[in-house]
Amino acid sequence: MTAVSGRRERKKAATRQNIADTALRLFLERGYEAVGIRDVAAEADVAVTTVFAHFASKEALVFERDTDFEQRLAQAVTDRPPHESPLPALHREVQALVRHCTAEAGAPVRRMIEEAPSLREYEESMGLRHAQTLASALAADPHLSRSATACRATARFVIDAYALACRADDPAATVDEVFRMIEAAWEATAS
């Protein structure tokens, strides 16, 4: 998560977290469809406009760490050791993200997402955006000699590895299997 400095920024971050925590608790207690933005605002003791100042939609409340997820994937590429291919770094990061997603505490949230069509659609649209950001990070690396198409396809496959693993019976094995395919394709696209 991005470091927050300054009193005002800390207060904004605390308000955002309070809203997200309240929303998730209400969604899990009452069901996603049964809870409205007004319910979240009332329970969090903020105005409806405050909720929308922090979250663009009801779905965004469920995926409040979306930006962190996106940044972690891009940073796996940009912050890796100079001699290392981006794929092992991405593999490690996706494994860590999947462990979080499939942890016992995450199971009720995963079920809620699977049961709500609007949440599944929102998650898919986030995946497309994450893939675009990751593709840009791959393409911007001067040490990688891959086409824009290879970077976009690889990024999409990385996002799909995460999505498949979060729904798999053996998440770690699923990530490993998909990354073996990604690595083979990556090597085949070397210039």
N, C-alpha and C. Protein backbone atom coordinates (compact mmCIF):
# COMPACT_ATOMS: atom_id res chain seq x y z
N MET A 1 0.84 -1.17 0.00
CA MET A 1 0.00 0.00 0.00
C MET A 1 0.89 1.24 0.00
N THR A 2 0.46 2.26 -0.67
CA THR A 2 1.21 3.49 -0.78
C THR A 2 1.28 4.18 0.58
N ALA A 3 2.47 4.68 0.93
CA ALA A 3 2.65 5.37 2.19
C ALA A 3 1.88 6.69 2.17
N VAL A 4 1.21 6.99 3.27
CA VAL A 4 0.42 8.21 3.38
C VAL A 4 1.12 9.15 4.35
N SER A 5 1.41 10.36 3.87
CA SER A 5 2.07 11.33 4.75
C SER A 5 1.18 12.56 4.90
N GLY A 6 1.35 13.24 5.99
CA GLY A 6 0.55 14.44 6.24
C GLY A 6 -0.76 14.09 6.92
N ARG A 7 -1.17 14.97 7.80
CA ARG A 7 -2.40 14.73 8.59
C ARG A 7 -3.62 14.60 7.70
N ARG A 8 -3.77 15.49 6.76
CA ARG A 8 -4.96 15.46 5.88
C ARG A 8 -5.02 14.16 5.08
N GLU A 9 -3.89 13.75 4.53
CA GLU A 9 -3.85 12.52 3.76
C GLU A 9 -4.15 11.30 4.63
N ARG A 10 -3.64 11.32 5.88
CA ARG A 10 -3.91 10.21 6.80
C ARG A 10 -5.40 10.14 7.13
N LYS A 11 -6.02 11.29 7.34
CA LYS A 11 -7.46 11.32 7.64
C LYS A 11 -8.27 10.81 6.45
N LYS A 12 -7.89 11.23 5.25
CA LYS A 12 -8.59 10.75 4.05
C LYS A 12 -8.43 9.25 3.90
N ALA A 13 -7.22 8.75 4.13
CA ALA A 13 -6.98 7.31 4.03
C ALA A 13 -7.77 6.55 5.08
N ALA A 14 -7.85 7.10 6.29
CA ALA A 14 -8.61 6.45 7.37
C ALA A 14 -10.10 6.42 7.04
N THR A 15 -10.60 7.52 6.49
CA THR A 15 -12.02 7.57 6.10
C THR A 15 -12.29 6.54 5.01
N ARG A 16 -11.42 6.50 4.02
CA ARG A 16 -11.58 5.53 2.92
C ARG A 16 -11.58 4.11 3.47
N GLN A 17 -10.64 3.80 4.35
CA GLN A 17 -10.57 2.45 4.91
C GLN A 17 -11.80 2.13 5.75
N ASN A 18 -12.28 3.09 6.52
CA ASN A 18 -13.48 2.89 7.32
C ASN A 18 -14.68 2.57 6.42
N ILE A 19 -14.81 3.31 5.34
CA ILE A 19 -15.92 3.07 4.41
C ILE A 19 -15.80 1.67 3.81
N ALA A 20 -14.61 1.31 3.34
CA ALA A 20 -14.41 -0.01 2.73
C ALA A 20 -14.66 -1.13 3.72
N ASP A 21 -14.14 -0.99 4.93
CA ASP A 21 -14.34 -2.02 5.96
C ASP A 21 -15.82 -2.16 6.32
N THR A 22 -16.49 -1.03 6.46
CA THR A 22 -17.91 -1.05 6.79
C THR A 22 -18.71 -1.71 5.67
N ALA A 23 -18.42 -1.34 4.44
CA ALA A 23 -19.13 -1.91 3.30
C ALA A 23 -18.94 -3.42 3.25
N LEU A 24 -17.71 -3.87 3.37
CA LEU A 24 -17.44 -5.30 3.29
C LEU A 24 -18.16 -6.05 4.41
N ARG A 25 -18.13 -5.50 5.62
CA ARG A 25 -18.83 -6.15 6.73
C ARG A 25 -20.33 -6.26 6.44
N LEU A 26 -20.93 -5.17 5.95
CA LEU A 26 -22.36 -5.18 5.63
C LEU A 26 -22.67 -6.16 4.50
N PHE A 27 -21.84 -6.17 3.47
CA PHE A 27 -22.05 -7.08 2.34
C PHE A 27 -22.02 -8.52 2.81
N LEU A 28 -21.06 -8.83 3.67
CA LEU A 28 -20.94 -10.22 4.15
C LEU A 28 -22.06 -10.58 5.12
N GLU A 29 -22.52 -9.62 5.92
CA GLU A 29 -23.60 -9.90 6.87
C GLU A 29 -24.95 -10.03 6.18
N ARG A 30 -25.25 -9.11 5.27
CA ARG A 30 -26.59 -9.03 4.69
C ARG A 30 -26.69 -9.52 3.25
N GLY A 31 -25.57 -9.67 2.58
CA GLY A 31 -25.57 -10.01 1.17
C GLY A 31 -25.32 -8.77 0.33
N TYR A 32 -24.52 -8.93 -0.70
CA TYR A 32 -24.11 -7.79 -1.52
C TYR A 32 -25.31 -7.04 -2.11
N GLU A 33 -26.25 -7.77 -2.66
CA GLU A 33 -27.39 -7.13 -3.34
C GLU A 33 -28.32 -6.42 -2.35
N ALA A 34 -28.32 -6.85 -1.10
CA ALA A 34 -29.24 -6.28 -0.10
C ALA A 34 -28.75 -4.97 0.51
N VAL A 35 -27.52 -4.60 0.24
CA VAL A 35 -26.93 -3.41 0.85
C VAL A 35 -26.75 -2.33 -0.21
N GLY A 36 -27.21 -1.13 0.10
CA GLY A 36 -27.04 0.00 -0.81
C GLY A 36 -25.98 0.96 -0.31
N ILE A 37 -25.62 1.89 -1.16
CA ILE A 37 -24.62 2.90 -0.80
C ILE A 37 -25.09 3.71 0.40
N ARG A 38 -26.38 4.01 0.47
CA ARG A 38 -26.91 4.76 1.62
C ARG A 38 -26.71 3.99 2.93
N ASP A 39 -26.88 2.67 2.87
CA ASP A 39 -26.66 1.83 4.04
C ASP A 39 -25.20 1.91 4.50
N VAL A 40 -24.29 1.84 3.53
CA VAL A 40 -22.87 1.92 3.84
C VAL A 40 -22.54 3.27 4.46
N ALA A 41 -23.03 4.34 3.83
CA ALA A 41 -22.76 5.70 4.33
C ALA A 41 -23.28 5.87 5.75
N ALA A 42 -24.50 5.42 6.00
CA ALA A 42 -25.09 5.56 7.34
C ALA A 42 -24.28 4.79 8.38
N GLU A 43 -23.93 3.57 8.05
CA GLU A 43 -23.18 2.73 9.00
C GLU A 43 -21.77 3.26 9.23
N ALA A 44 -21.16 3.84 8.20
CA ALA A 44 -19.80 4.39 8.33
C ALA A 44 -19.82 5.81 8.89
N ASP A 45 -21.02 6.36 9.07
CA ASP A 45 -21.21 7.71 9.61
C ASP A 45 -20.56 8.77 8.72
N VAL A 46 -20.82 8.63 7.42
CA VAL A 46 -20.36 9.62 6.44
C VAL A 46 -21.51 9.91 5.48
N ALA A 47 -21.36 10.97 4.72
CA ALA A 47 -22.37 11.31 3.71
C ALA A 47 -22.21 10.39 2.49
N VAL A 48 -23.29 10.21 1.76
CA VAL A 48 -23.24 9.43 0.53
C VAL A 48 -22.20 10.03 -0.42
N THR A 49 -22.14 11.37 -0.46
CA THR A 49 -21.16 12.01 -1.34
C THR A 49 -19.73 11.68 -0.92
N THR A 50 -19.51 11.46 0.37
CA THR A 50 -18.18 11.07 0.84
C THR A 50 -17.83 9.67 0.33
N VAL A 51 -18.81 8.77 0.35
CA VAL A 51 -18.56 7.43 -0.19
C VAL A 51 -18.13 7.55 -1.65
N PHE A 52 -18.88 8.35 -2.42
CA PHE A 52 -18.56 8.48 -3.84
C PHE A 52 -17.29 9.29 -4.09
N ALA A 53 -16.88 10.09 -3.12
CA ALA A 53 -15.60 10.80 -3.27
C ALA A 53 -14.42 9.83 -3.20
N HIS A 54 -14.64 8.70 -2.52
CA HIS A 54 -13.58 7.71 -2.37
C HIS A 54 -13.73 6.51 -3.29
N PHE A 55 -14.95 6.20 -3.69
CA PHE A 55 -15.22 5.01 -4.49
C PHE A 55 -16.17 5.36 -5.62
N ALA A 56 -15.81 4.97 -6.83
CA ALA A 56 -16.61 5.34 -8.00
C ALA A 56 -17.93 4.58 -8.10
N SER A 57 -18.01 3.43 -7.45
CA SER A 57 -19.22 2.61 -7.56
C SER A 57 -19.33 1.67 -6.36
N LYS A 58 -20.46 1.04 -6.26
CA LYS A 58 -20.67 0.06 -5.20
C LYS A 58 -19.68 -1.10 -5.35
N GLU A 59 -19.45 -1.52 -6.58
CA GLU A 59 -18.51 -2.62 -6.83
C GLU A 59 -17.10 -2.27 -6.36
N ALA A 60 -16.72 -1.01 -6.54
CA ALA A 60 -15.37 -0.58 -6.14
C ALA A 60 -15.14 -0.74 -4.64
N LEU A 61 -16.21 -0.73 -3.86
CA LEU A 61 -16.08 -0.93 -2.41
C LEU A 61 -15.53 -2.33 -2.09
N VAL A 62 -15.89 -3.30 -2.89
CA VAL A 62 -15.43 -4.67 -2.67
C VAL A 62 -13.96 -4.81 -3.06
N PHE A 63 -13.56 -4.08 -4.08
CA PHE A 63 -12.20 -4.19 -4.61
C PHE A 63 -11.37 -2.97 -4.21
N GLU A 64 -11.44 -2.58 -2.96
CA GLU A 64 -10.79 -1.36 -2.52
C GLU A 64 -9.27 -1.41 -2.62
N ARG A 65 -8.67 -2.56 -2.75
CA ARG A 65 -7.22 -2.66 -2.87
C ARG A 65 -6.80 -2.85 -4.33
N ASP A 66 -7.68 -2.53 -5.23
CA ASP A 66 -7.45 -2.67 -6.66
C ASP A 66 -6.17 -1.96 -7.12
N THR A 67 -5.95 -0.74 -6.69
CA THR A 67 -4.78 0.02 -7.10
C THR A 67 -3.50 -0.63 -6.58
N ASP A 68 -3.53 -1.14 -5.35
CA ASP A 68 -2.36 -1.83 -4.81
C ASP A 68 -2.02 -3.06 -5.64
N PHE A 69 -3.02 -3.81 -6.02
CA PHE A 69 -2.83 -5.01 -6.85
C PHE A 69 -2.13 -4.62 -8.15
N GLU A 70 -2.66 -3.61 -8.80
CA GLU A 70 -2.11 -3.15 -10.08
C GLU A 70 -0.66 -2.69 -9.91
N GLN A 71 -0.39 -1.93 -8.87
CA GLN A 71 0.97 -1.44 -8.62
C GLN A 71 1.93 -2.58 -8.31
N ARG A 72 1.49 -3.55 -7.55
CA ARG A 72 2.37 -4.67 -7.20
C ARG A 72 2.82 -5.43 -8.44
N LEU A 73 1.92 -5.62 -9.38
CA LEU A 73 2.31 -6.33 -10.60
C LEU A 73 3.31 -5.51 -11.42
N ALA A 74 3.04 -4.24 -11.59
CA ALA A 74 3.96 -3.38 -12.35
C ALA A 74 5.31 -3.31 -11.64
N GLN A 75 5.31 -3.21 -10.31
CA GLN A 75 6.56 -3.13 -9.56
C GLN A 75 7.34 -4.44 -9.59
N ALA A 76 6.64 -5.55 -9.76
CA ALA A 76 7.36 -6.82 -9.90
C ALA A 76 8.27 -6.77 -11.12
N VAL A 77 7.84 -6.06 -12.14
CA VAL A 77 8.64 -5.90 -13.36
C VAL A 77 9.71 -4.82 -13.16
N THR A 78 9.30 -3.66 -12.69
CA THR A 78 10.22 -2.53 -12.62
C THR A 78 11.23 -2.63 -11.49
N ASP A 79 10.92 -3.32 -10.41
CA ASP A 79 11.81 -3.39 -9.25
C ASP A 79 12.61 -4.69 -9.16
N ARG A 80 12.51 -5.53 -10.16
CA ARG A 80 13.25 -6.80 -10.10
C ARG A 80 14.74 -6.55 -10.30
N PRO A 81 15.57 -7.49 -9.88
CA PRO A 81 17.01 -7.35 -10.12
C PRO A 81 17.29 -7.23 -11.63
N PRO A 82 18.29 -6.45 -12.01
CA PRO A 82 18.54 -6.19 -13.43
C PRO A 82 18.82 -7.44 -14.27
N HIS A 83 19.38 -8.45 -13.67
CA HIS A 83 19.73 -9.66 -14.41
C HIS A 83 18.55 -10.64 -14.54
N GLU A 84 17.48 -10.39 -13.83
CA GLU A 84 16.37 -11.34 -13.77
C GLU A 84 15.32 -11.05 -14.84
N SER A 85 14.84 -12.09 -15.46
CA SER A 85 13.71 -11.97 -16.38
C SER A 85 12.49 -11.52 -15.57
N PRO A 86 11.54 -10.83 -16.20
CA PRO A 86 10.37 -10.40 -15.43
C PRO A 86 9.45 -11.55 -15.01
N LEU A 87 9.51 -12.67 -15.69
CA LEU A 87 8.56 -13.74 -15.40
C LEU A 87 8.73 -14.38 -14.02
N PRO A 88 9.95 -14.68 -13.56
CA PRO A 88 10.06 -15.20 -12.19
C PRO A 88 9.54 -14.20 -11.15
N ALA A 89 9.81 -12.91 -11.37
CA ALA A 89 9.32 -11.89 -10.44
C ALA A 89 7.79 -11.84 -10.45
N LEU A 90 7.21 -11.91 -11.63
CA LEU A 90 5.74 -11.92 -11.74
C LEU A 90 5.16 -13.20 -11.13
N HIS A 91 5.83 -14.31 -11.36
CA HIS A 91 5.38 -15.59 -10.80
C HIS A 91 5.33 -15.50 -9.28
N ARG A 92 6.38 -14.99 -8.66
CA ARG A 92 6.40 -14.85 -7.19
C ARG A 92 5.28 -13.91 -6.72
N GLU A 93 5.10 -12.80 -7.43
CA GLU A 93 4.09 -11.83 -7.01
C GLU A 93 2.68 -12.41 -7.15
N VAL A 94 2.42 -13.11 -8.25
CA VAL A 94 1.09 -13.71 -8.43
C VAL A 94 0.85 -14.78 -7.37
N GLN A 95 1.88 -15.57 -7.05
CA GLN A 95 1.71 -16.57 -5.98
C GLN A 95 1.34 -15.88 -4.67
N ALA A 96 1.99 -14.78 -4.35
CA ALA A 96 1.68 -14.05 -3.11
C ALA A 96 0.27 -13.49 -3.14
N LEU A 97 -0.13 -12.94 -4.26
CA LEU A 97 -1.48 -12.39 -4.39
C LEU A 97 -2.54 -13.49 -4.30
N VAL A 98 -2.25 -14.63 -4.88
CA VAL A 98 -3.19 -15.76 -4.82
C VAL A 98 -3.30 -16.30 -3.40
N ARG A 99 -2.16 -16.37 -2.69
CA ARG A 99 -2.23 -16.82 -1.29
C ARG A 99 -3.16 -15.91 -0.49
N HIS A 100 -3.08 -14.63 -0.73
CA HIS A 100 -3.96 -13.68 -0.03
C HIS A 100 -5.42 -13.92 -0.43
N CYS A 101 -5.67 -14.05 -1.71
CA CYS A 101 -7.04 -14.22 -2.23
C CYS A 101 -7.68 -15.53 -1.75
N THR A 102 -6.86 -16.57 -1.58
CA THR A 102 -7.41 -17.88 -1.22
C THR A 102 -7.26 -18.21 0.27
N ALA A 103 -6.75 -17.27 1.04
CA ALA A 103 -6.65 -17.49 2.49
C ALA A 103 -8.05 -17.69 3.06
N GLU A 104 -8.11 -18.37 4.18
CA GLU A 104 -9.41 -18.68 4.80
C GLU A 104 -10.26 -17.43 5.00
N ALA A 105 -9.63 -16.34 5.39
CA ALA A 105 -10.38 -15.10 5.61
C ALA A 105 -10.95 -14.54 4.31
N GLY A 106 -10.34 -14.87 3.19
CA GLY A 106 -10.81 -14.36 1.91
C GLY A 106 -11.92 -15.19 1.28
N ALA A 107 -12.18 -16.38 1.79
CA ALA A 107 -13.17 -17.27 1.19
C ALA A 107 -14.57 -16.66 1.10
N PRO A 108 -15.07 -16.02 2.17
CA PRO A 108 -16.40 -15.42 2.06
C PRO A 108 -16.47 -14.31 1.00
N VAL A 109 -15.41 -13.56 0.87
CA VAL A 109 -15.38 -12.49 -0.14
C VAL A 109 -15.37 -13.11 -1.53
N ARG A 110 -14.58 -14.15 -1.74
CA ARG A 110 -14.51 -14.82 -3.03
C ARG A 110 -15.89 -15.38 -3.40
N ARG A 111 -16.58 -16.00 -2.43
CA ARG A 111 -17.93 -16.53 -2.69
C ARG A 111 -18.88 -15.41 -3.08
N MET A 112 -18.79 -14.29 -2.37
CA MET A 112 -19.66 -13.15 -2.67
C MET A 112 -19.41 -12.67 -4.10
N ILE A 113 -18.17 -12.58 -4.50
CA ILE A 113 -17.84 -12.13 -5.86
C ILE A 113 -18.40 -13.11 -6.88
N GLU A 114 -18.23 -14.39 -6.63
CA GLU A 114 -18.71 -15.41 -7.57
C GLU A 114 -20.24 -15.40 -7.69
N GLU A 115 -20.93 -15.03 -6.62
CA GLU A 115 -22.39 -15.05 -6.62
C GLU A 115 -23.03 -13.80 -7.21
N ALA A 116 -22.28 -12.73 -7.34
CA ALA A 116 -22.85 -11.46 -7.82
C ALA A 116 -22.33 -11.14 -9.23
N PRO A 117 -23.21 -11.24 -10.23
CA PRO A 117 -22.76 -10.97 -11.61
C PRO A 117 -22.10 -9.60 -11.78
N SER A 118 -22.59 -8.58 -11.10
CA SER A 118 -21.98 -7.26 -11.25
C SER A 118 -20.55 -7.23 -10.71
N LEU A 119 -20.28 -8.01 -9.66
CA LEU A 119 -18.92 -8.07 -9.12
C LEU A 119 -18.00 -8.86 -10.05
N ARG A 120 -18.50 -9.92 -10.65
CA ARG A 120 -17.68 -10.68 -11.60
C ARG A 120 -17.33 -9.81 -12.81
N GLU A 121 -18.31 -9.05 -13.30
CA GLU A 121 -18.06 -8.15 -14.44
C GLU A 121 -17.05 -7.06 -14.07
N TYR A 122 -17.19 -6.51 -12.88
CA TYR A 122 -16.27 -5.47 -12.43
C TYR A 122 -14.86 -6.04 -12.30
N GLU A 123 -14.74 -7.24 -11.75
CA GLU A 123 -13.44 -7.88 -11.61
C GLU A 123 -12.79 -8.11 -12.98
N GLU A 124 -13.59 -8.51 -13.94
CA GLU A 124 -13.07 -8.72 -15.31
C GLU A 124 -12.58 -7.40 -15.91
N SER A 125 -13.33 -6.32 -15.72
CA SER A 125 -12.90 -5.03 -16.26
C SER A 125 -11.63 -4.55 -15.57
N MET A 126 -11.50 -4.82 -14.27
CA MET A 126 -10.25 -4.48 -13.56
C MET A 126 -9.10 -5.26 -14.15
N GLY A 127 -9.34 -6.53 -14.44
CA GLY A 127 -8.29 -7.37 -15.02
C GLY A 127 -7.77 -6.82 -16.33
N LEU A 128 -8.67 -6.29 -17.14
CA LEU A 128 -8.24 -5.69 -18.41
C LEU A 128 -7.36 -4.47 -18.18
N ARG A 129 -7.74 -3.66 -17.20
CA ARG A 129 -6.94 -2.48 -16.87
C ARG A 129 -5.58 -2.89 -16.29
N HIS A 130 -5.59 -3.88 -15.41
CA HIS A 130 -4.34 -4.35 -14.83
C HIS A 130 -3.42 -4.89 -15.92
N ALA A 131 -3.98 -5.62 -16.86
CA ALA A 131 -3.18 -6.16 -17.95
C ALA A 131 -2.57 -5.04 -18.78
N GLN A 132 -3.32 -3.99 -19.00
CA GLN A 132 -2.80 -2.85 -19.77
C GLN A 132 -1.62 -2.20 -19.03
N THR A 133 -1.76 -2.00 -17.73
CA THR A 133 -0.68 -1.41 -16.93
C THR A 133 0.55 -2.31 -16.93
N LEU A 134 0.34 -3.60 -16.76
CA LEU A 134 1.45 -4.55 -16.75
C LEU A 134 2.12 -4.59 -18.13
N ALA A 135 1.33 -4.59 -19.18
CA ALA A 135 1.91 -4.59 -20.54
C ALA A 135 2.77 -3.35 -20.76
N SER A 136 2.32 -2.22 -20.26
CA SER A 136 3.10 -0.98 -20.38
C SER A 136 4.42 -1.09 -19.63
N ALA A 137 4.40 -1.70 -18.45
CA ALA A 137 5.64 -1.89 -17.68
C ALA A 137 6.60 -2.81 -18.42
N LEU A 138 6.08 -3.86 -19.01
CA LEU A 138 6.93 -4.78 -19.78
C LEU A 138 7.50 -4.08 -21.02
N ALA A 139 6.66 -3.38 -21.73
CA ALA A 139 7.09 -2.71 -22.96
C ALA A 139 8.10 -1.60 -22.69
N ALA A 140 8.00 -0.96 -21.53
CA ALA A 140 8.89 0.16 -21.20
C ALA A 140 10.29 -0.30 -20.78
N ASP A 141 10.45 -1.58 -20.48
CA ASP A 141 11.75 -2.07 -20.03
C ASP A 141 12.72 -2.13 -21.21
N PRO A 142 13.79 -1.34 -21.19
CA PRO A 142 14.71 -1.30 -22.33
C PRO A 142 15.52 -2.60 -22.51
N HIS A 143 15.57 -3.46 -21.49
CA HIS A 143 16.34 -4.69 -21.57
C HIS A 143 15.54 -5.86 -22.16
N LEU A 144 14.26 -5.65 -22.36
CA LEU A 144 13.42 -6.72 -22.91
C LEU A 144 13.19 -6.44 -24.39
N SER A 145 13.46 -7.42 -25.19
CA SER A 145 13.26 -7.23 -26.63
C SER A 145 12.03 -8.02 -27.07
N ARG A 146 10.88 -7.47 -26.72
CA ARG A 146 9.62 -8.10 -27.07
C ARG A 146 8.73 -7.08 -27.76
N SER A 147 7.88 -7.57 -28.64
CA SER A 147 6.94 -6.69 -29.34
C SER A 147 5.84 -6.24 -28.38
N ALA A 148 5.14 -5.19 -28.78
CA ALA A 148 4.01 -4.72 -27.98
C ALA A 148 2.97 -5.82 -27.84
N THR A 149 2.78 -6.59 -28.90
CA THR A 149 1.81 -7.69 -28.85
C THR A 149 2.23 -8.75 -27.83
N ALA A 150 3.51 -9.09 -27.81
CA ALA A 150 4.00 -10.08 -26.85
C ALA A 150 3.83 -9.57 -25.42
N CYS A 151 4.08 -8.29 -25.21
CA CYS A 151 3.90 -7.72 -23.87
C CYS A 151 2.44 -7.72 -23.45
N ARG A 152 1.55 -7.35 -24.37
CA ARG A 152 0.12 -7.33 -24.04
C ARG A 152 -0.40 -8.75 -23.76
N ALA A 153 -0.01 -9.70 -24.60
CA ALA A 153 -0.48 -11.08 -24.41
C ALA A 153 0.06 -11.66 -23.10
N THR A 154 1.33 -11.43 -22.82
CA THR A 154 1.93 -11.93 -21.58
C THR A 154 1.22 -11.34 -20.37
N ALA A 155 0.98 -10.04 -20.41
CA ALA A 155 0.29 -9.38 -19.29
C ALA A 155 -1.09 -9.97 -19.08
N ARG A 156 -1.80 -10.19 -20.16
CA ARG A 156 -3.15 -10.77 -20.04
C ARG A 156 -3.09 -12.17 -19.44
N PHE A 157 -2.12 -12.97 -19.88
CA PHE A 157 -1.98 -14.32 -19.34
C PHE A 157 -1.64 -14.30 -17.85
N VAL A 158 -0.83 -13.32 -17.42
CA VAL A 158 -0.48 -13.20 -16.00
C VAL A 158 -1.74 -12.91 -15.19
N ILE A 159 -2.56 -11.99 -15.68
CA ILE A 159 -3.82 -11.66 -14.99
C ILE A 159 -4.73 -12.88 -14.96
N ASP A 160 -4.78 -13.60 -16.07
CA ASP A 160 -5.61 -14.81 -16.12
C ASP A 160 -5.09 -15.89 -15.18
N ALA A 161 -3.77 -15.97 -15.00
CA ALA A 161 -3.21 -16.95 -14.06
C ALA A 161 -3.75 -16.68 -12.66
N TYR A 162 -3.78 -15.40 -12.30
CA TYR A 162 -4.32 -15.03 -10.99
C TYR A 162 -5.79 -15.41 -10.88
N ALA A 163 -6.58 -15.05 -11.88
CA ALA A 163 -8.02 -15.32 -11.85
C ALA A 163 -8.31 -16.82 -11.79
N LEU A 164 -7.61 -17.59 -12.60
CA LEU A 164 -7.81 -19.04 -12.60
C LEU A 164 -7.42 -19.65 -11.25
N ALA A 165 -6.31 -19.21 -10.71
CA ALA A 165 -5.82 -19.77 -9.44
C ALA A 165 -6.76 -19.46 -8.28
N CYS A 166 -7.34 -18.27 -8.27
CA CYS A 166 -8.25 -17.90 -7.18
C CYS A 166 -9.49 -18.79 -7.16
N ARG A 167 -9.79 -19.43 -8.27
CA ARG A 167 -10.98 -20.29 -8.36
C ARG A 167 -10.63 -21.78 -8.39
N ALA A 168 -9.34 -22.10 -8.32
CA ALA A 168 -8.88 -23.48 -8.49
C ALA A 168 -8.88 -24.25 -7.17
N ASP A 169 -8.95 -25.58 -7.28
CA ASP A 169 -8.84 -26.43 -6.11
C ASP A 169 -7.42 -26.40 -5.53
N ASP A 170 -6.43 -26.27 -6.41
CA ASP A 170 -5.04 -26.19 -5.97
C ASP A 170 -4.44 -24.92 -6.57
N PRO A 171 -4.65 -23.78 -5.90
CA PRO A 171 -4.23 -22.50 -6.45
C PRO A 171 -2.75 -22.40 -6.80
N ALA A 172 -1.87 -22.87 -5.91
CA ALA A 172 -0.43 -22.75 -6.16
C ALA A 172 -0.02 -23.56 -7.40
N ALA A 173 -0.55 -24.76 -7.51
CA ALA A 173 -0.23 -25.60 -8.67
C ALA A 173 -0.77 -24.97 -9.96
N THR A 174 -1.92 -24.32 -9.87
CA THR A 174 -2.49 -23.66 -11.04
C THR A 174 -1.58 -22.52 -11.50
N VAL A 175 -1.11 -21.71 -10.56
CA VAL A 175 -0.19 -20.61 -10.92
C VAL A 175 1.06 -21.19 -11.57
N ASP A 176 1.63 -22.24 -10.97
CA ASP A 176 2.84 -22.85 -11.54
C ASP A 176 2.60 -23.36 -12.95
N GLU A 177 1.49 -24.04 -13.16
CA GLU A 177 1.18 -24.60 -14.48
C GLU A 177 1.01 -23.50 -15.53
N VAL A 178 0.25 -22.47 -15.18
CA VAL A 178 0.02 -21.38 -16.15
C VAL A 178 1.33 -20.65 -16.42
N PHE A 179 2.15 -20.45 -15.40
CA PHE A 179 3.42 -19.74 -15.63
C PHE A 179 4.39 -20.56 -16.47
N ARG A 180 4.32 -21.88 -16.42
CA ARG A 180 5.16 -22.67 -17.34
C ARG A 180 4.76 -22.37 -18.79
N MET A 181 3.47 -22.24 -19.04
CA MET A 181 3.01 -21.90 -20.39
C MET A 181 3.40 -20.48 -20.77
N ILE A 182 3.26 -19.55 -19.82
CA ILE A 182 3.63 -18.15 -20.08
C ILE A 182 5.12 -18.05 -20.40
N GLU A 183 5.94 -18.75 -19.62
CA GLU A 183 7.39 -18.71 -19.84
C GLU A 183 7.76 -19.27 -21.20
N ALA A 184 7.11 -20.35 -21.63
CA ALA A 184 7.38 -20.92 -22.95
C ALA A 184 7.02 -19.92 -24.05
N ALA A 185 5.87 -19.29 -23.90
CA ALA A 185 5.46 -18.30 -24.90
C ALA A 185 6.38 -17.10 -24.89
N TRP A 186 6.80 -16.65 -23.70
CA TRP A 186 7.72 -15.52 -23.57
C TRP A 186 9.03 -15.79 -24.30
N GLU A 187 9.57 -16.98 -24.07
CA GLU A 187 10.84 -17.36 -24.72
C GLU A 187 10.67 -17.44 -26.23
N ALA A 188 9.51 -17.89 -26.69
CA ALA A 188 9.26 -18.01 -28.13
C ALA A 188 9.15 -16.63 -28.80
N THR A 189 8.90 -15.59 -28.03
CA THR A 189 8.74 -14.27 -28.63
C THR A 189 10.02 -13.44 -28.59
N ALA A 190 11.11 -14.02 -28.08
CA ALA A 190 12.37 -13.27 -28.02
C ALA A 190 12.84 -12.90 -29.42
N SER A 191 13.32 -11.68 -29.55
CA SER A 191 13.80 -11.20 -30.87
C SER A 191 15.20 -11.70 -31.16
